[in-house]
Every structure is written in structure tokens, then in C-alpha cells.
Amino acid sequence: MQGQGAGILGSLLPLIIIFVIFYFLIIRPQQQQAKKHKEMVNSLQKGDKIVTSGGIIAEVIKNEEDHIKAKIDDNTTVRIDKNYIAKKLES
């Protein structure tokens, strides 16, 4: 019986090691990047310049719960889903 328990552990150990490596190289960095993006989007204020994932540069008018109201030019105002804001431009 003890030989079978050691055999199962020995066969599962490589899978466990692969999962741990996968977690630290792929899953954890993605979670940290998503957290930073969420913090950046939630900290946007009126007057901040942003770039959308489609490449549109706009100026924030209002940060609402699920989207951002932004001004592209003097006559054009749009609502942008927070998931599509790529980055904040530094002034």
C-alpha cells in the first residue's frame, strides 16, 4: 500500500510543479496588470487625456460608474467603456 501512495505522489508532483510555474509566470502577472489598469481608470479625473484601445485620443469630461464621458474635439463628446481605455497620457 505504501508503494502505491508514493507512486501517485511521484506522478502528480510534476503536474503540481508545472501548475506553480504557470501561476507565477502567467496568471499572477495578468492579475497584477488588471489591478493596475482598474486603479488607473478609476483615478481618471476631468481634464486627463486618455488613449482608447482603438487609438482615439480624448479628454475626460466625467468618470462615471461603468464608462467615461470624453471630449474628442470641441463639438464631439463620446461615452467610452472603461474596458477600452488603454492608457492615460502624461501631460
PDB file of N, CA and C in Angstrom:
ATOM      1  N   MET A   1       0.807  -1.200   0.000  1.00  0.00           N
ATOM      2  CA  MET A   1       0.000   0.000   0.000  1.00  0.00           C
ATOM      3  C   MET A   1       0.849   1.262   0.000  1.00  0.00           C
ATOM      4  N   GLN A   2       1.936   1.255   0.752  1.00  0.00           N
ATOM      5  CA  GLN A   2       2.753   2.453   0.805  1.00  0.00           C
ATOM      6  C   GLN A   2       3.423   2.723  -0.536  1.00  0.00           C
ATOM      7  N   GLY A   3       3.734   1.721  -1.272  1.00  0.00           N
ATOM      8  CA  GLY A   3       4.352   1.877  -2.580  1.00  0.00           C
ATOM      9  C   GLY A   3       3.418   2.564  -3.559  1.00  0.00           C
ATOM     10  N   GLN A   4       2.122   2.273  -3.480  1.00  0.00           N
ATOM     11  CA  GLN A   4       1.159   2.911  -4.362  1.00  0.00           C
ATOM     12  C   GLN A   4       0.992   4.388  -4.025  1.00  0.00           C
ATOM     13  N   GLY A   5       0.984   4.734  -2.740  1.00  0.00           N
ATOM     14  CA  GLY A   5       0.857   6.138  -2.320  1.00  0.00           C
ATOM     15  C   GLY A   5       2.031   6.955  -2.808  1.00  0.00           C
ATOM     16  N   ALA A   6       3.224   6.413  -2.716  1.00  0.00           N
ATOM     17  CA  ALA A   6       4.416   7.113  -3.187  1.00  0.00           C
ATOM     18  C   ALA A   6       4.403   7.231  -4.712  1.00  0.00           C
ATOM     19  N   GLY A   7       3.849   6.221  -5.397  1.00  0.00           N
ATOM     20  CA  GLY A   7       3.769   6.259  -6.855  1.00  0.00           C
ATOM     21  C   GLY A   7       2.823   7.346  -7.332  1.00  0.00           C
ATOM     22  N   ILE A   8       1.691   7.500  -6.645  1.00  0.00           N
ATOM     23  CA  ILE A   8       0.727   8.537  -7.014  1.00  0.00           C
ATOM     24  C   ILE A   8       1.329   9.915  -6.789  1.00  0.00           C
ATOM     25  N   LEU A   9       1.979  10.089  -5.630  1.00  0.00           N
ATOM     26  CA  LEU A   9       2.611  11.366  -5.321  1.00  0.00           C
ATOM     27  C   LEU A   9       3.705  11.675  -6.339  1.00  0.00           C
ATOM     28  N   GLY A  10       4.478  10.673  -6.692  1.00  0.00           N
ATOM     29  CA  GLY A  10       5.551  10.867  -7.667  1.00  0.00           C
ATOM     30  C   GLY A  10       5.031  11.230  -9.043  1.00  0.00           C
ATOM     31  N   SER A  11       3.868  10.700  -9.413  1.00  0.00           N
ATOM     32  CA  SER A  11       3.317  11.031 -10.728  1.00  0.00           C
ATOM     33  C   SER A  11       2.599  12.377 -10.728  1.00  0.00           C
ATOM     34  N   LEU A  12       2.088  12.816  -9.591  1.00  0.00           N
ATOM     35  CA  LEU A  12       1.402  14.108  -9.512  1.00  0.00           C
ATOM     36  C   LEU A  12       2.365  15.272  -9.291  1.00  0.00           C
ATOM     37  N   LEU A  13       3.519  15.007  -8.746  1.00  0.00           N
ATOM     38  CA  LEU A  13       4.472  16.069  -8.435  1.00  0.00           C
ATOM     39  C   LEU A  13       4.868  16.900  -9.660  1.00  0.00           C
ATOM     40  N   PRO A  14       5.163  16.310 -10.809  1.00  0.00           N
ATOM     41  CA  PRO A  14       5.484  17.146 -11.979  1.00  0.00           C
ATOM     42  C   PRO A  14       4.312  18.049 -12.401  1.00  0.00           C
ATOM     43  N   LEU A  15       3.083  17.536 -12.304  1.00  0.00           N
ATOM     44  CA  LEU A  15       1.922  18.363 -12.645  1.00  0.00           C
ATOM     45  C   LEU A  15       1.774  19.537 -11.684  1.00  0.00           C
ATOM     46  N   ILE A  16       2.004  19.302 -10.423  1.00  0.00           N
ATOM     47  CA  ILE A  16       1.925  20.368  -9.424  1.00  0.00           C
ATOM     48  C   ILE A  16       2.994  21.422  -9.689  1.00  0.00           C
ATOM     49  N   ILE A  17       4.197  20.977 -10.003  1.00  0.00           N
ATOM     50  CA  ILE A  17       5.291  21.911 -10.286  1.00  0.00           C
ATOM     51  C   ILE A  17       4.977  22.731 -11.534  1.00  0.00           C
ATOM     52  N   ILE A  18       4.430  22.112 -12.576  1.00  0.00           N
ATOM     53  CA  ILE A  18       4.066  22.842 -13.794  1.00  0.00           C
ATOM     54  C   ILE A  18       2.994  23.878 -13.496  1.00  0.00           C
ATOM     55  N   PHE A  19       1.999  23.518 -12.683  1.00  0.00           N
ATOM     56  CA  PHE A  19       0.946  24.471 -12.323  1.00  0.00           C
ATOM     57  C   PHE A  19       1.511  25.652 -11.553  1.00  0.00           C
ATOM     58  N   VAL A  20       2.414  25.418 -10.619  1.00  0.00           N
ATOM     59  CA  VAL A  20       3.019  26.511  -9.833  1.00  0.00           C
ATOM     60  C   VAL A  20       3.805  27.441 -10.758  1.00  0.00           C
ATOM     61  N   ILE A  21       4.575  26.892 -11.661  1.00  0.00           N
ATOM     62  CA  ILE A  21       5.339  27.705 -12.615  1.00  0.00           C
ATOM     63  C   ILE A  21       4.384  28.497 -13.504  1.00  0.00           C
ATOM     64  N   PHE A  22       3.336  27.856 -13.994  1.00  0.00           N
ATOM     65  CA  PHE A  22       2.326  28.510 -14.829  1.00  0.00           C
ATOM     66  C   PHE A  22       1.685  29.670 -14.074  1.00  0.00           C
ATOM     67  N   TYR A  23       1.372  29.463 -12.792  1.00  0.00           N
ATOM     68  CA  TYR A  23       0.747  30.501 -11.978  1.00  0.00           C
ATOM     69  C   TYR A  23       1.657  31.728 -11.869  1.00  0.00           C
ATOM     70  N   PHE A  24       2.920  31.511 -11.522  1.00  0.00           N
ATOM     71  CA  PHE A  24       3.817  32.641 -11.289  1.00  0.00           C
ATOM     72  C   PHE A  24       4.277  33.328 -12.573  1.00  0.00           C
ATOM     73  N   LEU A  25       4.288  32.629 -13.697  1.00  0.00           N
ATOM     74  CA  LEU A  25       4.734  33.244 -14.945  1.00  0.00           C
ATOM     75  C   LEU A  25       3.603  33.844 -15.771  1.00  0.00           C
ATOM     76  N   ILE A  26       2.375  33.355 -15.615  1.00  0.00           N
ATOM     77  CA  ILE A  26       1.290  33.824 -16.470  1.00  0.00           C
ATOM     78  C   ILE A  26       0.122  34.410 -15.681  1.00  0.00           C
ATOM     79  N   ILE A  27      -0.450  33.662 -14.781  1.00  0.00           N
ATOM     80  CA  ILE A  27      -1.681  34.089 -14.102  1.00  0.00           C
ATOM     81  C   ILE A  27      -1.448  35.292 -13.192  1.00  0.00           C
ATOM     82  N   ARG A  28      -0.467  35.223 -12.328  1.00  0.00           N
ATOM     83  CA  ARG A  28      -0.224  36.301 -11.364  1.00  0.00           C
ATOM     84  C   ARG A  28       0.120  37.632 -12.047  1.00  0.00           C
ATOM     85  N   PRO A  29       1.018  37.665 -13.033  1.00  0.00           N
ATOM     86  CA  PRO A  29       1.293  38.944 -13.705  1.00  0.00           C
ATOM     87  C   PRO A  29       0.062  39.546 -14.378  1.00  0.00           C
ATOM     88  N   GLN A  30      -0.802  38.701 -14.960  1.00  0.00           N
ATOM     89  CA  GLN A  30      -2.019  39.215 -15.588  1.00  0.00           C
ATOM     90  C   GLN A  30      -2.952  39.822 -14.546  1.00  0.00           C
ATOM     91  N   GLN A  31      -3.059  39.198 -13.384  1.00  0.00           N
ATOM     92  CA  GLN A  31      -3.904  39.735 -12.317  1.00  0.00           C
ATOM     93  C   GLN A  31      -3.372  41.079 -11.838  1.00  0.00           C
ATOM     94  N   GLN A  32      -2.069  41.202 -11.696  1.00  0.00           N
ATOM     95  CA  GLN A  32      -1.475  42.457 -11.262  1.00  0.00           C
ATOM     96  C   GLN A  32      -1.672  43.550 -12.308  1.00  0.00           C
ATOM     97  N   GLN A  33      -1.534  43.208 -13.577  1.00  0.00           N
ATOM     98  CA  GLN A  33      -1.726  44.181 -14.646  1.00  0.00           C
ATOM     99  C   GLN A  33      -3.182  44.646 -14.682  1.00  0.00           C
ATOM    100  N   ALA A  34      -4.121  43.738 -14.506  1.00  0.00           N
ATOM    101  CA  ALA A  34      -5.541  44.094 -14.492  1.00  0.00           C
ATOM    102  C   ALA A  34      -5.857  45.002 -13.307  1.00  0.00           C
ATOM    103  N   LYS A  35      -5.242  44.745 -12.175  1.00  0.00           N
ATOM    104  CA  LYS A  35      -5.460  45.575 -10.986  1.00  0.00           C
ATOM    105  C   LYS A  35      -4.924  46.990 -11.213  1.00  0.00           C
ATOM    106  N   LYS A  36      -3.744  47.120 -11.809  1.00  0.00           N
ATOM    107  CA  LYS A  36      -3.174  48.436 -12.103  1.00  0.00           C
ATOM    108  C   LYS A  36      -4.049  49.201 -13.093  1.00  0.00           C
ATOM    109  N   HIS A  37      -4.561  48.502 -14.120  1.00  0.00           N
ATOM    110  CA  HIS A  37      -5.420  49.148 -15.118  1.00  0.00           C
ATOM    111  C   HIS A  37      -6.700  49.656 -14.459  1.00  0.00           C
ATOM    112  N   LYS A  38      -7.293  48.848 -13.598  1.00  0.00           N
ATOM    113  CA  LYS A  38      -8.525  49.253 -12.914  1.00  0.00           C
ATOM    114  C   LYS A  38      -8.285  50.472 -12.031  1.00  0.00           C
ATOM    115  N   GLU A  39      -7.172  50.482 -11.308  1.00  0.00           N
ATOM    116  CA  GLU A  39      -6.839  51.631 -10.460  1.00  0.00           C
ATOM    117  C   GLU A  39      -6.630  52.885 -11.307  1.00  0.00           C
ATOM    118  N   MET A  40      -5.943  52.742 -12.449  1.00  0.00           N
ATOM    119  CA  MET A  40      -5.693  53.884 -13.327  1.00  0.00           C
ATOM    120  C   MET A  40      -7.003  54.439 -13.867  1.00  0.00           C
ATOM    121  N   VAL A  41      -7.891  53.569 -14.316  1.00  0.00           N
ATOM    122  CA  VAL A  41      -9.165  54.009 -14.879  1.00  0.00           C
ATOM    123  C   VAL A  41     -10.024  54.680 -13.815  1.00  0.00           C
ATOM    124  N   ASN A  42     -10.049  54.122 -12.613  1.00  0.00           N
ATOM    125  CA  ASN A  42     -10.861  54.708 -11.542  1.00  0.00           C
ATOM    126  C   ASN A  42     -10.304  56.039 -11.045  1.00  0.00           C
ATOM    127  N   SER A  43      -9.022  56.293 -11.267  1.00  0.00           N
ATOM    128  CA  SER A  43      -8.417  57.542 -10.794  1.00  0.00           C
ATOM    129  C   SER A  43      -8.493  58.663 -11.837  1.00  0.00           C
ATOM    130  N   LEU A  44      -9.055  58.382 -13.015  1.00  0.00           N
ATOM    131  CA  LEU A  44      -9.154  59.417 -14.046  1.00  0.00           C
ATOM    132  C   LEU A  44     -10.048  60.558 -13.567  1.00  0.00           C
ATOM    133  N   GLN A  45      -9.617  61.773 -13.873  1.00  0.00           N
ATOM    134  CA  GLN A  45     -10.362  62.966 -13.470  1.00  0.00           C
ATOM    135  C   GLN A  45     -10.588  63.852 -14.680  1.00  0.00           C
ATOM    136  N   LYS A  46     -11.460  64.820 -14.501  1.00  0.00           N
ATOM    137  CA  LYS A  46     -11.753  65.764 -15.568  1.00  0.00           C
ATOM    138  C   LYS A  46     -10.460  66.437 -16.027  1.00  0.00           C
ATOM    139  N   GLY A  47     -10.272  66.476 -17.343  1.00  0.00           N
ATOM    140  CA  GLY A  47      -9.092  67.114 -17.915  1.00  0.00           C
ATOM    141  C   GLY A  47      -7.973  66.157 -18.266  1.00  0.00           C
ATOM    142  N   ASP A  48      -8.013  64.914 -17.751  1.00  0.00           N
ATOM    143  CA  ASP A  48      -6.984  63.927 -18.096  1.00  0.00           C
ATOM    144  C   ASP A  48      -7.126  63.525 -19.552  1.00  0.00           C
ATOM    145  N   LYS A  49      -6.012  63.297 -20.208  1.00  0.00           N
ATOM    146  CA  LYS A  49      -6.012  62.838 -21.597  1.00  0.00           C
ATOM    147  C   LYS A  49      -5.818  61.322 -21.584  1.00  0.00           C
ATOM    148  N   ILE A  50      -6.628  60.631 -22.413  1.00  0.00           N
ATOM    149  CA  ILE A  50      -6.569  59.177 -22.471  1.00  0.00           C
ATOM    150  C   ILE A  50      -6.434  58.720 -23.925  1.00  0.00           C
ATOM    151  N   VAL A  51      -6.001  57.465 -24.080  1.00  0.00           N
ATOM    152  CA  VAL A  51      -5.950  56.819 -25.389  1.00  0.00           C
ATOM    153  C   VAL A  51      -6.784  55.549 -25.269  1.00  0.00           C
ATOM    154  N   THR A  52      -7.707  55.349 -26.210  1.00  0.00           N
ATOM    155  CA  THR A  52      -8.508  54.136 -26.209  1.00  0.00           C
ATOM    156  C   THR A  52      -7.753  53.019 -26.904  1.00  0.00           C
ATOM    157  N   SER A  53      -8.250  51.805 -26.765  1.00  0.00           N
ATOM    158  CA  SER A  53      -7.599  50.680 -27.437  1.00  0.00           C
ATOM    159  C   SER A  53      -7.739  50.784 -28.950  1.00  0.00           C
ATOM    160  N   GLY A  54      -8.652  51.620 -29.426  1.00  0.00           N
ATOM    161  CA  GLY A  54      -8.789  51.862 -30.861  1.00  0.00           C
ATOM    162  C   GLY A  54      -7.904  52.984 -31.361  1.00  0.00           C
ATOM    163  N   GLY A  55      -7.169  53.630 -30.451  1.00  0.00           N
ATOM    164  CA  GLY A  55      -6.234  54.669 -30.835  1.00  0.00           C
ATOM    165  C   GLY A  55      -6.791  56.084 -30.786  1.00  0.00           C
ATOM    166  N   ILE A  56      -8.002  56.259 -30.274  1.00  0.00           N
ATOM    167  CA  ILE A  56      -8.598  57.593 -30.182  1.00  0.00           C
ATOM    168  C   ILE A  56      -8.053  58.300 -28.949  1.00  0.00           C
ATOM    169  N   ILE A  57      -7.600  59.531 -29.146  1.00  0.00           N
ATOM    170  CA  ILE A  57      -7.111  60.349 -28.038  1.00  0.00           C
ATOM    171  C   ILE A  57      -8.238  61.288 -27.645  1.00  0.00           C
ATOM    172  N   ALA A  58      -8.563  61.313 -26.348  1.00  0.00           N
ATOM    173  CA  ALA A  58      -9.678  62.125 -25.880  1.00  0.00           C
ATOM    174  C   ALA A  58      -9.355  62.727 -24.523  1.00  0.00           C
ATOM    175  N   GLU A  59     -10.151  63.705 -24.131  1.00  0.00           N
ATOM    176  CA  GLU A  59     -10.004  64.362 -22.831  1.00  0.00           C
ATOM    177  C   GLU A  59     -11.213  63.995 -21.968  1.00  0.00           C
ATOM    178  N   VAL A  60     -10.951  63.541 -20.753  1.00  0.00           N
ATOM    179  CA  VAL A  60     -12.016  63.101 -19.852  1.00  0.00           C
ATOM    180  C   VAL A  60     -12.863  64.293 -19.417  1.00  0.00           C
ATOM    181  N   ILE A  61     -14.178  64.121 -19.510  1.00  0.00           N
ATOM    182  CA  ILE A  61     -15.116  65.119 -19.006  1.00  0.00           C
ATOM    183  C   ILE A  61     -15.675  64.661 -17.663  1.00  0.00           C
ATOM    184  N   LYS A  62     -16.038  63.360 -17.594  1.00  0.00           N
ATOM    185  CA  LYS A  62     -16.632  62.835 -16.366  1.00  0.00           C
ATOM    186  C   LYS A  62     -16.344  61.346 -16.260  1.00  0.00           C
ATOM    187  N   ASN A  63     -15.942  60.905 -15.072  1.00  0.00           N
ATOM    188  CA  ASN A  63     -15.695  59.497 -14.788  1.00  0.00           C
ATOM    189  C   ASN A  63     -16.947  58.944 -14.110  1.00  0.00           C
ATOM    190  N   GLU A  64     -17.711  58.130 -14.842  1.00  0.00           N
ATOM    191  CA  GLU A  64     -18.940  57.559 -14.301  1.00  0.00           C
ATOM    192  C   GLU A  64     -18.700  56.112 -13.900  1.00  0.00           C
ATOM    193  N   GLU A  65     -19.740  55.469 -13.396  1.00  0.00           N
ATOM    194  CA  GLU A  65     -19.589  54.132 -12.817  1.00  0.00           C
ATOM    195  C   GLU A  65     -19.056  53.086 -13.805  1.00  0.00           C
ATOM    196  N   ASP A  66     -19.642  53.008 -14.991  1.00  0.00           N
ATOM    197  CA  ASP A  66     -19.223  51.966 -15.919  1.00  0.00           C
ATOM    198  C   ASP A  66     -18.638  52.491 -17.224  1.00  0.00           C
ATOM    199  N   HIS A  67     -18.586  53.797 -17.378  1.00  0.00           N
ATOM    200  CA  HIS A  67     -17.996  54.364 -18.587  1.00  0.00           C
ATOM    201  C   HIS A  67     -17.427  55.753 -18.292  1.00  0.00           C
ATOM    202  N   ILE A  68     -16.722  56.277 -19.284  1.00  0.00           N
ATOM    203  CA  ILE A  68     -16.110  57.600 -19.187  1.00  0.00           C
ATOM    204  C   ILE A  68     -16.752  58.486 -20.243  1.00  0.00           C
ATOM    205  N   LYS A  69     -17.122  59.694 -19.866  1.00  0.00           N
ATOM    206  CA  LYS A  69     -17.539  60.679 -20.865  1.00  0.00           C
ATOM    207  C   LYS A  69     -16.287  61.446 -21.251  1.00  0.00           C
ATOM    208  N   ALA A  70     -16.039  61.519 -22.551  1.00  0.00           N
ATOM    209  CA  ALA A  70     -14.815  62.152 -23.020  1.00  0.00           C
ATOM    210  C   ALA A  70     -15.106  63.050 -24.213  1.00  0.00           C
ATOM    211  N   LYS A  71     -14.243  64.041 -24.365  1.00  0.00           N
ATOM    212  CA  LYS A  71     -14.358  65.000 -25.459  1.00  0.00           C
ATOM    213  C   LYS A  71     -13.233  64.728 -26.444  1.00  0.00           C
ATOM    214  N   ILE A  72     -13.618  64.495 -27.715  1.00  0.00           N
ATOM    215  CA  ILE A  72     -12.627  64.263 -28.758  1.00  0.00           C
ATOM    216  C   ILE A  72     -12.173  65.594 -29.352  1.00  0.00           C
ATOM    217  N   ASP A  73     -13.130  66.470 -29.629  1.00  0.00           N
ATOM    218  CA  ASP A  73     -12.830  67.843 -30.038  1.00  0.00           C
ATOM    219  C   ASP A  73     -13.915  68.738 -29.440  1.00  0.00           C
ATOM    220  N   ASP A  74     -13.932  69.997 -29.821  1.00  0.00           N
ATOM    221  CA  ASP A  74     -14.877  70.941 -29.207  1.00  0.00           C
ATOM    222  C   ASP A  74     -16.337  70.560 -29.414  1.00  0.00           C
ATOM    223  N   ASN A  75     -16.656  69.878 -30.510  1.00  0.00           N
ATOM    224  CA  ASN A  75     -18.043  69.571 -30.829  1.00  0.00           C
ATOM    225  C   ASN A  75     -18.425  68.115 -30.636  1.00  0.00           C
ATOM    226  N   THR A  76     -17.502  67.254 -30.235  1.00  0.00           N
ATOM    227  CA  THR A  76     -17.773  65.816 -30.172  1.00  0.00           C
ATOM    228  C   THR A  76     -17.499  65.271 -28.779  1.00  0.00           C
ATOM    229  N   THR A  77     -18.566  64.749 -28.176  1.00  0.00           N
ATOM    230  CA  THR A  77     -18.461  64.099 -26.871  1.00  0.00           C
ATOM    231  C   THR A  77     -18.887  62.647 -27.035  1.00  0.00           C
ATOM    232  N   VAL A  78     -18.141  61.722 -26.421  1.00  0.00           N
ATOM    233  CA  VAL A  78     -18.444  60.301 -26.534  1.00  0.00           C
ATOM    234  C   VAL A  78     -18.445  59.646 -25.158  1.00  0.00           C
ATOM    235  N   ARG A  79     -19.111  58.508 -25.076  1.00  0.00           N
ATOM    236  CA  ARG A  79     -19.050  57.663 -23.889  1.00  0.00           C
ATOM    237  C   ARG A  79     -18.182  56.462 -24.231  1.00  0.00           C
ATOM    238  N   ILE A  80     -17.189  56.187 -23.393  1.00  0.00           N
ATOM    239  CA  ILE A  80     -16.245  55.102 -23.649  1.00  0.00           C
ATOM    240  C   ILE A  80     -16.324  54.113 -22.496  1.00  0.00           C
ATOM    241  N   ASP A  81     -16.497  52.842 -22.826  1.00  0.00           N
ATOM    242  CA  ASP A  81     -16.492  51.791 -21.812  1.00  0.00           C
ATOM    243  C   ASP A  81     -15.107  51.752 -21.164  1.00  0.00           C
ATOM    244  N   LYS A  82     -15.070  51.604 -19.858  1.00  0.00           N
ATOM    245  CA  LYS A  82     -13.797  51.636 -19.127  1.00  0.00           C
ATOM    246  C   LYS A  82     -12.834  50.527 -19.559  1.00  0.00           C
ATOM    247  N   ASN A  83     -13.370  49.429 -20.064  1.00  0.00           N
ATOM    248  CA  ASN A  83     -12.504  48.323 -20.505  1.00  0.00           C
ATOM    249  C   ASN A  83     -11.698  48.675 -21.746  1.00  0.00           C
ATOM    250  N   TYR A  84     -12.115  49.704 -22.486  1.00  0.00           N
ATOM    251  CA  TYR A  84     -11.445  50.058 -23.732  1.00  0.00           C
ATOM    252  C   TYR A  84     -10.503  51.242 -23.596  1.00  0.00           C
ATOM    253  N   ILE A  85     -10.219  51.663 -22.393  1.00  0.00           N
ATOM    254  CA  ILE A  85      -9.232  52.713 -22.175  1.00  0.00           C
ATOM    255  C   ILE A  85      -7.876  52.036 -22.038  1.00  0.00           C
ATOM    256  N   ALA A  86      -6.982  52.351 -22.967  1.00  0.00           N
ATOM    257  CA  ALA A  86      -5.678  51.686 -22.997  1.00  0.00           C
ATOM    258  C   ALA A  86      -4.704  52.304 -22.004  1.00  0.00           C
ATOM    259  N   LYS A  87      -4.644  53.656 -22.014  1.00  0.00           N
ATOM    260  CA  LYS A  87      -3.693  54.299 -21.107  1.00  0.00           C
ATOM    261  C   LYS A  87      -4.040  55.767 -20.919  1.00  0.00           C
ATOM    262  N   LYS A  88      -3.420  56.333 -19.921  1.00  0.00           N
ATOM    263  CA  LYS A  88      -3.551  57.761 -19.628  1.00  0.00           C
ATOM    264  C   LYS A  88      -2.295  58.439 -20.147  1.00  0.00           C
ATOM    265  N   LEU A  89      -2.483  59.524 -20.885  1.00  0.00           N
ATOM    266  CA  LEU A  89      -1.336  60.281 -21.382  1.00  0.00           C
ATOM    267  C   LEU A  89      -0.856  61.229 -20.304  1.00  0.00           C
ATOM    268  N   GLU A  90       0.423  61.260 -20.120  1.00  0.00           N
ATOM    269  CA  GLU A  90       1.013  62.181 -19.141  1.00  0.00           C
ATOM    270  C   GLU A  90       1.175  63.549 -19.806  1.00  0.00           C
ATOM    271  N   SER A  91       0.816  64.570 -19.105  1.00  0.00           N
ATOM    272  CA  SER A  91       0.892  65.946 -19.654  1.00  0.00           C
ATOM    273  C   SER A  91       2.297  66.467 -19.620  1.00  0.00           C
TER     274      SER A  91
END
